[in-house]
Amino acid sequence: MYGGIMKPQHEGPWPGNMTLYVDVEDLAAFRKKIVTAGGKIMVDDQEVPGRGRLCLFTAPERRMLGLRQPLVDRKSF
């Protein structure tokens, strides 16, 4: 399992106090599916140098989640 812990960039309660990320093969395709299903993109597609790309979104019930498209296919490890 891959993961990380980061310091919040704001004070006060944070809904659920953590963000879960899901690895996907095609970030752009999943972003379209999220919007079609009623979700909202909160942080647009951005590069994480040496790691891949990611975005953050809220699901219709307002839970913040992340999508990550790694540079390397984990199945090849």
PDB file of N, CA and C in Angstrom:
ATOM      1  N   MET A   1       0.847  -1.170   0.000  1.00  0.00           N
ATOM      2  CA  MET A   1       0.000   0.000   0.000  1.00  0.00           C
ATOM      3  C   MET A   1       0.892   1.231   0.000  1.00  0.00           C
ATOM      4  N   TYR A   2       0.527   2.201  -0.806  1.00  0.00           N
ATOM      5  CA  TYR A   2       1.274   3.444  -0.894  1.00  0.00           C
ATOM      6  C   TYR A   2       0.458   4.549  -0.247  1.00  0.00           C
ATOM      7  N   GLY A   3       1.093   5.491   0.389  1.00  0.00           N
ATOM      8  CA  GLY A   3       0.361   6.579   1.025  1.00  0.00           C
ATOM      9  C   GLY A   3       1.299   7.637   1.534  1.00  0.00           C
ATOM     10  N   GLY A   4       0.734   8.652   2.131  1.00  0.00           N
ATOM     11  CA  GLY A   4       1.525   9.734   2.690  1.00  0.00           C
ATOM     12  C   GLY A   4       0.686  10.539   3.658  1.00  0.00           C
ATOM     13  N   ILE A   5       1.349  11.315   4.491  1.00  0.00           N
ATOM     14  CA  ILE A   5       0.672  12.174   5.454  1.00  0.00           C
ATOM     15  C   ILE A   5       1.174  13.584   5.231  1.00  0.00           C
ATOM     16  N   MET A   6       0.240  14.522   5.158  1.00  0.00           N
ATOM     17  CA  MET A   6       0.603  15.917   4.928  1.00  0.00           C
ATOM     18  C   MET A   6      -0.063  16.796   5.976  1.00  0.00           C
ATOM     19  N   LYS A   7       0.558  17.908   6.305  1.00  0.00           N
ATOM     20  CA  LYS A   7      -0.016  18.866   7.241  1.00  0.00           C
ATOM     21  C   LYS A   7      -1.119  19.656   6.532  1.00  0.00           C
ATOM     22  N   PRO A   8      -2.307  19.811   7.158  1.00  0.00           N
ATOM     23  CA  PRO A   8      -3.378  20.601   6.546  1.00  0.00           C
ATOM     24  C   PRO A   8      -2.925  22.037   6.305  1.00  0.00           C
ATOM     25  N   GLN A   9      -3.454  22.647   5.257  1.00  0.00           N
ATOM     26  CA  GLN A   9      -3.092  24.017   4.929  1.00  0.00           C
ATOM     27  C   GLN A   9      -4.116  25.015   5.460  1.00  0.00           C
ATOM     28  N   HIS A  10      -4.959  24.583   6.385  1.00  0.00           N
ATOM     29  CA  HIS A  10      -5.947  25.470   6.998  1.00  0.00           C
ATOM     30  C   HIS A  10      -6.190  25.013   8.434  1.00  0.00           C
ATOM     31  N   GLU A  11      -6.800  25.878   9.216  1.00  0.00           N
ATOM     32  CA  GLU A  11      -7.121  25.543  10.607  1.00  0.00           C
ATOM     33  C   GLU A  11      -8.569  25.093  10.702  1.00  0.00           C
ATOM     34  N   GLY A  12      -8.898  24.408  11.771  1.00  0.00           N
ATOM     35  CA  GLY A  12     -10.273  23.995  12.003  1.00  0.00           C
ATOM     36  C   GLY A  12     -10.527  22.580  11.521  1.00  0.00           C
ATOM     37  N   PRO A  13     -11.763  22.114  11.706  1.00  0.00           N
ATOM     38  CA  PRO A  13     -12.091  20.738  11.333  1.00  0.00           C
ATOM     39  C   PRO A  13     -12.002  20.525   9.827  1.00  0.00           C
ATOM     40  N   TRP A  14     -11.635  19.341   9.461  1.00  0.00           N
ATOM     41  CA  TRP A  14     -11.526  18.957   8.063  1.00  0.00           C
ATOM     42  C   TRP A  14     -12.461  17.772   7.863  1.00  0.00           C
ATOM     43  N   PRO A  15     -13.400  17.854   6.928  1.00  0.00           N
ATOM     44  CA  PRO A  15     -14.354  16.751   6.754  1.00  0.00           C
ATOM     45  C   PRO A  15     -13.646  15.411   6.581  1.00  0.00           C
ATOM     46  N   GLY A  16     -13.842  14.520   7.521  1.00  0.00           N
ATOM     47  CA  GLY A  16     -13.253  13.197   7.447  1.00  0.00           C
ATOM     48  C   GLY A  16     -11.777  13.165   7.808  1.00  0.00           C
ATOM     49  N   ASN A  17     -11.154  14.278   7.969  1.00  0.00           N
ATOM     50  CA  ASN A  17      -9.757  14.536   8.335  1.00  0.00           C
ATOM     51  C   ASN A  17      -8.694  13.765   7.547  1.00  0.00           C
ATOM     52  N   MET A  18      -9.065  13.175   6.424  1.00  0.00           N
ATOM     53  CA  MET A  18      -8.063  12.579   5.545  1.00  0.00           C
ATOM     54  C   MET A  18      -8.626  12.498   4.131  1.00  0.00           C
ATOM     55  N   THR A  19      -7.734  12.422   3.168  1.00  0.00           N
ATOM     56  CA  THR A  19      -8.142  12.278   1.775  1.00  0.00           C
ATOM     57  C   THR A  19      -7.598  10.964   1.244  1.00  0.00           C
ATOM     58  N   LEU A  20      -8.473  10.128   0.753  1.00  0.00           N
ATOM     59  CA  LEU A  20      -8.076   8.861   0.151  1.00  0.00           C
ATOM     60  C   LEU A  20      -7.857   9.074  -1.342  1.00  0.00           C
ATOM     61  N   TYR A  21      -6.817   8.460  -1.874  1.00  0.00           N
ATOM     62  CA  TYR A  21      -6.511   8.541  -3.301  1.00  0.00           C
ATOM     63  C   TYR A  21      -6.684   7.169  -3.931  1.00  0.00           C
ATOM     64  N   VAL A  22      -7.215   7.160  -5.145  1.00  0.00           N
ATOM     65  CA  VAL A  22      -7.397   5.936  -5.905  1.00  0.00           C
ATOM     66  C   VAL A  22      -6.552   6.051  -7.169  1.00  0.00           C
ATOM     67  N   ASP A  23      -5.727   5.034  -7.442  1.00  0.00           N
ATOM     68  CA  ASP A  23      -4.936   5.021  -8.672  1.00  0.00           C
ATOM     69  C   ASP A  23      -5.827   4.655  -9.854  1.00  0.00           C
ATOM     70  N   VAL A  24      -5.677   5.396 -10.954  1.00  0.00           N
ATOM     71  CA  VAL A  24      -6.425   5.133 -12.184  1.00  0.00           C
ATOM     72  C   VAL A  24      -5.454   5.145 -13.361  1.00  0.00           C
ATOM     73  N   GLU A  25      -5.849   4.496 -14.446  1.00  0.00           N
ATOM     74  CA  GLU A  25      -5.001   4.465 -15.638  1.00  0.00           C
ATOM     75  C   GLU A  25      -5.180   5.707 -16.497  1.00  0.00           C
ATOM     76  N   ASP A  26      -6.387   6.301 -16.496  1.00  0.00           N
ATOM     77  CA  ASP A  26      -6.683   7.449 -17.358  1.00  0.00           C
ATOM     78  C   ASP A  26      -7.390   8.520 -16.529  1.00  0.00           C
ATOM     79  N   LEU A  27      -6.621   9.456 -16.012  1.00  0.00           N
ATOM     80  CA  LEU A  27      -7.157  10.493 -15.127  1.00  0.00           C
ATOM     81  C   LEU A  27      -8.233  11.330 -15.814  1.00  0.00           C
ATOM     82  N   ALA A  28      -8.009  11.720 -17.062  1.00  0.00           N
ATOM     83  CA  ALA A  28      -8.977  12.555 -17.784  1.00  0.00           C
ATOM     84  C   ALA A  28     -10.325  11.848 -17.932  1.00  0.00           C
ATOM     85  N   ALA A  29     -10.304  10.561 -18.247  1.00  0.00           N
ATOM     86  CA  ALA A  29     -11.550   9.804 -18.413  1.00  0.00           C
ATOM     87  C   ALA A  29     -12.316   9.719 -17.095  1.00  0.00           C
ATOM     88  N   PHE A  30     -11.625   9.491 -15.994  1.00  0.00           N
ATOM     89  CA  PHE A  30     -12.294   9.400 -14.695  1.00  0.00           C
ATOM     90  C   PHE A  30     -12.831  10.754 -14.246  1.00  0.00           C
ATOM     91  N   ARG A  31     -12.133  11.844 -14.574  1.00  0.00           N
ATOM     92  CA  ARG A  31     -12.631  13.181 -14.225  1.00  0.00           C
ATOM     93  C   ARG A  31     -13.982  13.419 -14.892  1.00  0.00           C
ATOM     94  N   LYS A  32     -14.121  13.017 -16.148  1.00  0.00           N
ATOM     95  CA  LYS A  32     -15.393  13.173 -16.868  1.00  0.00           C
ATOM     96  C   LYS A  32     -16.489  12.352 -16.193  1.00  0.00           C
ATOM     97  N   LYS A  33     -16.166  11.128 -15.788  1.00  0.00           N
ATOM     98  CA  LYS A  33     -17.149  10.271 -15.118  1.00  0.00           C
ATOM     99  C   LYS A  33     -17.607  10.883 -13.797  1.00  0.00           C
ATOM    100  N   ILE A  34     -16.691  11.494 -13.067  1.00  0.00           N
ATOM    101  CA  ILE A  34     -17.027  12.125 -11.785  1.00  0.00           C
ATOM    102  C   ILE A  34     -18.033  13.239 -11.986  1.00  0.00           C
ATOM    103  N   VAL A  35     -17.763  14.119 -12.938  1.00  0.00           N
ATOM    104  CA  VAL A  35     -18.658  15.252 -13.201  1.00  0.00           C
ATOM    105  C   VAL A  35     -20.020  14.752 -13.683  1.00  0.00           C
ATOM    106  N   THR A  36     -20.028  13.756 -14.564  1.00  0.00           N
ATOM    107  CA  THR A  36     -21.284  13.190 -15.067  1.00  0.00           C
ATOM    108  C   THR A  36     -22.118  12.593 -13.937  1.00  0.00           C
ATOM    109  N   ALA A  37     -21.452  12.007 -12.935  1.00  0.00           N
ATOM    110  CA  ALA A  37     -22.150  11.373 -11.812  1.00  0.00           C
ATOM    111  C   ALA A  37     -22.554  12.362 -10.723  1.00  0.00           C
ATOM    112  N   GLY A  38     -22.268  13.658 -10.921  1.00  0.00           N
ATOM    113  CA  GLY A  38     -22.682  14.657  -9.939  1.00  0.00           C
ATOM    114  C   GLY A  38     -21.584  15.132  -9.014  1.00  0.00           C
ATOM    115  N   GLY A  39     -20.356  14.655  -9.213  1.00  0.00           N
ATOM    116  CA  GLY A  39     -19.230  15.117  -8.406  1.00  0.00           C
ATOM    117  C   GLY A  39     -18.708  16.452  -8.917  1.00  0.00           C
ATOM    118  N   LYS A  40     -17.788  17.042  -8.167  1.00  0.00           N
ATOM    119  CA  LYS A  40     -17.223  18.339  -8.536  1.00  0.00           C
ATOM    120  C   LYS A  40     -15.705  18.285  -8.395  1.00  0.00           C
ATOM    121  N   ILE A  41     -14.992  18.705  -9.440  1.00  0.00           N
ATOM    122  CA  ILE A  41     -13.531  18.757  -9.392  1.00  0.00           C
ATOM    123  C   ILE A  41     -13.138  19.943  -8.524  1.00  0.00           C
ATOM    124  N   MET A  42     -12.369  19.693  -7.477  1.00  0.00           N
ATOM    125  CA  MET A  42     -11.960  20.745  -6.540  1.00  0.00           C
ATOM    126  C   MET A  42     -10.541  21.226  -6.815  1.00  0.00           C
ATOM    127  N   VAL A  43      -9.645  20.325  -7.176  1.00  0.00           N
ATOM    128  CA  VAL A  43      -8.274  20.660  -7.563  1.00  0.00           C
ATOM    129  C   VAL A  43      -8.053  20.004  -8.915  1.00  0.00           C
ATOM    130  N   ASP A  44      -7.831  20.848  -9.923  1.00  0.00           N
ATOM    131  CA  ASP A  44      -7.705  20.349 -11.285  1.00  0.00           C
ATOM    132  C   ASP A  44      -6.470  19.469 -11.447  1.00  0.00           C
ATOM    133  N   ASP A  45      -6.463  18.715 -12.510  1.00  0.00           N
ATOM    134  CA  ASP A  45      -5.360  17.832 -12.878  1.00  0.00           C
ATOM    135  C   ASP A  45      -4.025  18.573 -12.771  1.00  0.00           C
ATOM    136  N   GLN A  46      -3.108  18.027 -11.986  1.00  0.00           N
ATOM    137  CA  GLN A  46      -1.793  18.645 -11.848  1.00  0.00           C
ATOM    138  C   GLN A  46      -0.707  17.584 -11.754  1.00  0.00           C
ATOM    139  N   GLU A  47       0.494  17.975 -12.172  1.00  0.00           N
ATOM    140  CA  GLU A  47       1.629  17.059 -12.159  1.00  0.00           C
ATOM    141  C   GLU A  47       2.255  16.994 -10.772  1.00  0.00           C
ATOM    142  N   VAL A  48       2.642  15.796 -10.377  1.00  0.00           N
ATOM    143  CA  VAL A  48       3.445  15.584  -9.180  1.00  0.00           C
ATOM    144  C   VAL A  48       4.792  15.089  -9.709  1.00  0.00           C
ATOM    145  N   PRO A  49       5.812  15.953  -9.719  1.00  0.00           N
ATOM    146  CA  PRO A  49       7.077  15.611 -10.367  1.00  0.00           C
ATOM    147  C   PRO A  49       7.637  14.252  -9.932  1.00  0.00           C
ATOM    148  N   GLY A  50       7.934  13.436 -10.923  1.00  0.00           N
ATOM    149  CA  GLY A  50       8.508  12.122 -10.677  1.00  0.00           C
ATOM    150  C   GLY A  50       7.523  11.066 -10.226  1.00  0.00           C
ATOM    151  N   ARG A  51       6.257  11.430 -10.030  1.00  0.00           N
ATOM    152  CA  ARG A  51       5.256  10.493  -9.503  1.00  0.00           C
ATOM    153  C   ARG A  51       4.082  10.259 -10.448  1.00  0.00           C
ATOM    154  N   GLY A  52       3.614  11.289 -11.143  1.00  0.00           N
ATOM    155  CA  GLY A  52       2.456  11.152 -12.011  1.00  0.00           C
ATOM    156  C   GLY A  52       1.593  12.392 -11.987  1.00  0.00           C
ATOM    157  N   ARG A  53       0.282  12.201 -12.030  1.00  0.00           N
ATOM    158  CA  ARG A  53      -0.676  13.305 -12.032  1.00  0.00           C
ATOM    159  C   ARG A  53      -1.759  13.007 -10.998  1.00  0.00           C
ATOM    160  N   LEU A  54      -2.414  14.059 -10.498  1.00  0.00           N
ATOM    161  CA  LEU A  54      -3.507  13.856  -9.550  1.00  0.00           C
ATOM    162  C   LEU A  54      -4.544  14.956  -9.678  1.00  0.00           C
ATOM    163  N   CYS A  55      -5.700  14.717  -9.109  1.00  0.00           N
ATOM    164  CA  CYS A  55      -6.744  15.730  -8.951  1.00  0.00           C
ATOM    165  C   CYS A  55      -7.545  15.371  -7.705  1.00  0.00           C
ATOM    166  N   LEU A  56      -8.229  16.361  -7.155  1.00  0.00           N
ATOM    167  CA  LEU A  56      -9.110  16.154  -6.005  1.00  0.00           C
ATOM    168  C   LEU A  56     -10.530  16.488  -6.425  1.00  0.00           C
ATOM    169  N   PHE A  57     -11.482  15.744  -5.889  1.00  0.00           N
ATOM    170  CA  PHE A  57     -12.882  15.991  -6.210  1.00  0.00           C
ATOM    171  C   PHE A  57     -13.747  15.711  -4.997  1.00  0.00           C
ATOM    172  N   THR A  58     -14.968  16.238  -5.042  1.00  0.00           N
ATOM    173  CA  THR A  58     -15.950  15.873  -4.031  1.00  0.00           C
ATOM    174  C   THR A  58     -17.015  15.023  -4.701  1.00  0.00           C
ATOM    175  N   ALA A  59     -17.378  13.951  -4.029  1.00  0.00           N
ATOM    176  CA  ALA A  59     -18.461  13.094  -4.485  1.00  0.00           C
ATOM    177  C   ALA A  59     -19.780  13.810  -4.187  1.00  0.00           C
ATOM    178  N   PRO A  60     -20.897  13.344  -4.757  1.00  0.00           N
ATOM    179  CA  PRO A  60     -22.176  14.014  -4.506  1.00  0.00           C
ATOM    180  C   PRO A  60     -22.511  14.195  -3.020  1.00  0.00           C
ATOM    181  N   GLU A  61     -22.048  13.298  -2.139  1.00  0.00           N
ATOM    182  CA  GLU A  61     -22.320  13.458  -0.703  1.00  0.00           C
ATOM    183  C   GLU A  61     -21.286  14.361  -0.031  1.00  0.00           C
ATOM    184  N   ARG A  62     -20.441  15.030  -0.825  1.00  0.00           N
ATOM    185  CA  ARG A  62     -19.477  16.051  -0.397  1.00  0.00           C
ATOM    186  C   ARG A  62     -18.222  15.496   0.268  1.00  0.00           C
ATOM    187  N   ARG A  63     -17.944  14.236   0.145  1.00  0.00           N
ATOM    188  CA  ARG A  63     -16.696  13.653   0.658  1.00  0.00           C
ATOM    189  C   ARG A  63     -15.574  13.963  -0.335  1.00  0.00           C
ATOM    190  N   MET A  64     -14.454  14.500   0.160  1.00  0.00           N
ATOM    191  CA  MET A  64     -13.300  14.797  -0.697  1.00  0.00           C
ATOM    192  C   MET A  64     -12.493  13.528  -0.932  1.00  0.00           C
ATOM    193  N   LEU A  65     -12.186  13.266  -2.193  1.00  0.00           N
ATOM    194  CA  LEU A  65     -11.391  12.109  -2.600  1.00  0.00           C
ATOM    195  C   LEU A  65     -10.374  12.555  -3.643  1.00  0.00           C
ATOM    196  N   GLY A  66      -9.376  11.728  -3.868  1.00  0.00           N
ATOM    197  CA  GLY A  66      -8.370  12.049  -4.869  1.00  0.00           C
ATOM    198  C   GLY A  66      -8.213  10.934  -5.880  1.00  0.00           C
ATOM    199  N   LEU A  67      -7.838  11.328  -7.095  1.00  0.00           N
ATOM    200  CA  LEU A  67      -7.474  10.377  -8.133  1.00  0.00           C
ATOM    201  C   LEU A  67      -6.009  10.593  -8.457  1.00  0.00           C
ATOM    202  N   ARG A  68      -5.312   9.510  -8.720  1.00  0.00           N
ATOM    203  CA  ARG A  68      -3.891   9.603  -9.024  1.00  0.00           C
ATOM    204  C   ARG A  68      -3.581   8.705 -10.210  1.00  0.00           C
ATOM    205  N   GLN A  69      -2.882   9.272 -11.189  1.00  0.00           N
ATOM    206  CA  GLN A  69      -2.416   8.493 -12.330  1.00  0.00           C
ATOM    207  C   GLN A  69      -0.900   8.389 -12.221  1.00  0.00           C
ATOM    208  N   PRO A  70      -0.393   7.247 -11.726  1.00  0.00           N
ATOM    209  CA  PRO A  70       1.052   7.101 -11.538  1.00  0.00           C
ATOM    210  C   PRO A  70       1.789   7.045 -12.873  1.00  0.00           C
ATOM    211  N   LEU A  71       3.067   7.419 -12.839  1.00  0.00           N
ATOM    212  CA  LEU A  71       3.902   7.325 -14.036  1.00  0.00           C
ATOM    213  C   LEU A  71       4.150   5.881 -14.431  1.00  0.00           C
ATOM    214  N   VAL A  72       4.206   4.984 -13.439  1.00  0.00           N
ATOM    215  CA  VAL A  72       4.549   3.581 -13.670  1.00  0.00           C
ATOM    216  C   VAL A  72       3.366   2.704 -13.292  1.00  0.00           C
ATOM    217  N   ASP A  73       3.104   1.696 -14.092  1.00  0.00           N
ATOM    218  CA  ASP A  73       2.054   0.730 -13.785  1.00  0.00           C
ATOM    219  C   ASP A  73       2.506  -0.128 -12.603  1.00  0.00           C
ATOM    220  N   ARG A  74       1.777  -0.083 -11.498  1.00  0.00           N
ATOM    221  CA  ARG A  74       2.153  -0.828 -10.286  1.00  0.00           C
ATOM    222  C   ARG A  74       2.212  -2.340 -10.539  1.00  0.00           C
ATOM    223  N   LYS A  75       1.473  -2.829 -11.528  1.00  0.00           N
ATOM    224  CA  LYS A  75       1.467  -4.264 -11.809  1.00  0.00           C
ATOM    225  C   LYS A  75       2.834  -4.745 -12.292  1.00  0.00           C
ATOM    226  N   SER A  76       3.663  -3.818 -12.775  1.00  0.00           N
ATOM    227  CA  SER A  76       4.965  -4.217 -13.304  1.00  0.00           C
ATOM    228  C   SER A  76       6.011  -4.387 -12.209  1.00  0.00           C
ATOM    229  N   PHE A  77       5.678  -4.051 -10.949  1.00  0.00           N
ATOM    230  CA  PHE A  77       6.640  -4.184  -9.852  1.00  0.00           C
ATOM    231  C   PHE A  77       6.760  -5.626  -9.419  1.00  0.00           C
TER     232      PHE A  77
END
